[in-house]
Amino acid sequence: MLPHRNLAISLIVATIPIVLAGLFVKDFIEQRIFNVEHIAIANIIFAGILLLLI
């Protein structure tokens, strides 16, 4: 059971910095990235990548 406990603790500790970073830049991301043009461009790029890979 000890390796599972160590893994769980490591995952929790590793998650804390990204959660704090996400809270810090949340407003920036909402203002800059979540608009229709950026989402459309990202979808087109992702579709192109999928077409190349499949």
N, C-alpha and C. Protein backbone atom coordinates (compact mmCIF):
# COMPACT_ATOMS: atom_id res chain seq x y z
N MET A 1 0.80 -1.21 0.00
CA MET A 1 0.00 0.00 0.00
C MET A 1 0.84 1.26 0.00
N LEU A 2 2.05 1.18 0.48
CA LEU A 2 2.89 2.37 0.59
C LEU A 2 3.19 3.03 -0.76
N PRO A 3 3.50 2.27 -1.83
CA PRO A 3 3.75 2.93 -3.11
C PRO A 3 2.53 3.71 -3.62
N HIS A 4 1.34 3.18 -3.39
CA HIS A 4 0.13 3.88 -3.82
C HIS A 4 -0.06 5.18 -3.04
N ARG A 5 0.26 5.14 -1.77
CA ARG A 5 0.14 6.35 -0.96
C ARG A 5 1.15 7.40 -1.42
N ASN A 6 2.38 6.97 -1.70
CA ASN A 6 3.40 7.90 -2.19
C ASN A 6 2.99 8.51 -3.53
N LEU A 7 2.42 7.70 -4.41
CA LEU A 7 1.95 8.20 -5.70
C LEU A 7 0.84 9.22 -5.51
N ALA A 8 -0.10 8.94 -4.63
CA ALA A 8 -1.20 9.87 -4.38
C ALA A 8 -0.69 11.19 -3.83
N ILE A 9 0.22 11.13 -2.89
CA ILE A 9 0.77 12.36 -2.31
C ILE A 9 1.56 13.14 -3.36
N SER A 10 2.33 12.43 -4.18
CA SER A 10 3.10 13.10 -5.24
C SER A 10 2.18 13.78 -6.24
N LEU A 11 1.09 13.14 -6.62
CA LEU A 11 0.14 13.74 -7.55
C LEU A 11 -0.52 14.99 -6.97
N ILE A 12 -0.87 14.92 -5.71
CA ILE A 12 -1.48 16.09 -5.07
C ILE A 12 -0.49 17.24 -4.99
N VAL A 13 0.73 16.96 -4.59
CA VAL A 13 1.75 18.01 -4.49
C VAL A 13 2.07 18.59 -5.87
N ALA A 14 2.12 17.75 -6.90
CA ALA A 14 2.43 18.22 -8.24
C ALA A 14 1.29 19.03 -8.84
N THR A 15 0.07 18.84 -8.36
CA THR A 15 -1.08 19.55 -8.89
C THR A 15 -1.20 20.96 -8.32
N ILE A 16 -0.71 21.19 -7.14
CA ILE A 16 -0.86 22.48 -6.47
C ILE A 16 -0.30 23.65 -7.28
N PRO A 17 0.92 23.58 -7.85
CA PRO A 17 1.43 24.73 -8.60
C PRO A 17 0.59 25.08 -9.83
N ILE A 18 0.10 24.09 -10.56
CA ILE A 18 -0.67 24.39 -11.76
C ILE A 18 -2.04 24.96 -11.40
N VAL A 19 -2.60 24.55 -10.27
CA VAL A 19 -3.86 25.13 -9.82
C VAL A 19 -3.65 26.60 -9.47
N LEU A 20 -2.59 26.90 -8.76
CA LEU A 20 -2.29 28.29 -8.42
C LEU A 20 -2.02 29.12 -9.67
N ALA A 21 -1.29 28.58 -10.62
CA ALA A 21 -1.03 29.30 -11.87
C ALA A 21 -2.33 29.53 -12.63
N GLY A 22 -3.20 28.54 -12.66
CA GLY A 22 -4.49 28.69 -13.33
C GLY A 22 -5.35 29.77 -12.70
N LEU A 23 -5.36 29.84 -11.39
CA LEU A 23 -6.12 30.89 -10.71
C LEU A 23 -5.52 32.26 -10.99
N PHE A 24 -4.20 32.32 -11.12
CA PHE A 24 -3.52 33.59 -11.34
C PHE A 24 -3.79 34.16 -12.74
N VAL A 25 -3.83 33.30 -13.74
CA VAL A 25 -3.99 33.77 -15.13
C VAL A 25 -5.39 33.56 -15.69
N LYS A 26 -6.34 33.22 -14.84
CA LYS A 26 -7.71 32.92 -15.29
C LYS A 26 -8.32 34.09 -16.06
N ASP A 27 -8.25 35.28 -15.53
CA ASP A 27 -8.85 36.44 -16.19
C ASP A 27 -8.17 36.73 -17.52
N PHE A 28 -6.85 36.61 -17.57
CA PHE A 28 -6.11 36.84 -18.81
C PHE A 28 -6.57 35.86 -19.89
N ILE A 29 -6.70 34.60 -19.51
CA ILE A 29 -7.10 33.58 -20.48
C ILE A 29 -8.52 33.84 -20.96
N GLU A 30 -9.42 34.19 -20.06
CA GLU A 30 -10.80 34.46 -20.47
C GLU A 30 -10.89 35.65 -21.41
N GLN A 31 -10.11 36.68 -21.19
CA GLN A 31 -10.17 37.87 -22.02
C GLN A 31 -9.48 37.67 -23.37
N ARG A 32 -8.36 37.00 -23.40
CA ARG A 32 -7.53 36.91 -24.60
C ARG A 32 -7.83 35.71 -25.48
N ILE A 33 -8.15 34.60 -24.89
CA ILE A 33 -8.23 33.37 -25.67
C ILE A 33 -9.67 32.97 -25.98
N PHE A 34 -10.60 33.17 -25.09
CA PHE A 34 -11.95 32.68 -25.28
C PHE A 34 -12.81 33.66 -26.07
N ASN A 35 -12.43 33.91 -27.31
CA ASN A 35 -13.32 34.62 -28.20
C ASN A 35 -13.52 33.77 -29.44
N VAL A 36 -14.51 34.09 -30.24
CA VAL A 36 -14.93 33.23 -31.34
C VAL A 36 -13.81 33.02 -32.35
N GLU A 37 -13.07 34.07 -32.67
CA GLU A 37 -12.02 33.96 -33.68
C GLU A 37 -10.93 32.98 -33.26
N HIS A 38 -10.48 33.08 -32.03
CA HIS A 38 -9.42 32.19 -31.56
C HIS A 38 -9.88 30.74 -31.50
N ILE A 39 -11.10 30.53 -31.08
CA ILE A 39 -11.63 29.16 -31.02
C ILE A 39 -11.75 28.58 -32.42
N ALA A 40 -12.23 29.38 -33.38
CA ALA A 40 -12.35 28.91 -34.76
C ALA A 40 -10.98 28.56 -35.34
N ILE A 41 -10.00 29.41 -35.12
CA ILE A 41 -8.66 29.15 -35.64
C ILE A 41 -8.08 27.88 -35.01
N ALA A 42 -8.26 27.73 -33.71
CA ALA A 42 -7.74 26.53 -33.03
C ALA A 42 -8.42 25.28 -33.57
N ASN A 43 -9.71 25.33 -33.84
CA ASN A 43 -10.42 24.18 -34.40
C ASN A 43 -9.91 23.83 -35.79
N ILE A 44 -9.67 24.84 -36.62
CA ILE A 44 -9.16 24.59 -37.96
C ILE A 44 -7.76 23.97 -37.91
N ILE A 45 -6.92 24.49 -37.05
CA ILE A 45 -5.56 23.94 -36.92
C ILE A 45 -5.62 22.50 -36.41
N PHE A 46 -6.44 22.25 -35.41
CA PHE A 46 -6.57 20.90 -34.87
C PHE A 46 -7.12 19.94 -35.91
N ALA A 47 -8.10 20.38 -36.70
CA ALA A 47 -8.65 19.54 -37.76
C ALA A 47 -7.57 19.22 -38.80
N GLY A 48 -6.74 20.21 -39.13
CA GLY A 48 -5.66 19.96 -40.08
C GLY A 48 -4.66 18.94 -39.56
N ILE A 49 -4.33 19.05 -38.29
CA ILE A 49 -3.40 18.09 -37.68
C ILE A 49 -4.01 16.69 -37.70
N LEU A 50 -5.29 16.59 -37.38
CA LEU A 50 -5.94 15.28 -37.41
C LEU A 50 -5.95 14.69 -38.81
N LEU A 51 -6.22 15.53 -39.82
CA LEU A 51 -6.22 15.04 -41.20
C LEU A 51 -4.84 14.54 -41.60
N LEU A 52 -3.79 15.20 -41.14
CA LEU A 52 -2.44 14.76 -41.47
C LEU A 52 -2.09 13.45 -40.77
N LEU A 53 -2.60 13.25 -39.58
CA LEU A 53 -2.25 12.07 -38.81
C LEU A 53 -3.07 10.84 -39.18
N ILE A 54 -4.25 11.06 -39.71
CA ILE A 54 -5.13 9.90 -39.99
C ILE A 54 -5.04 9.48 -41.42
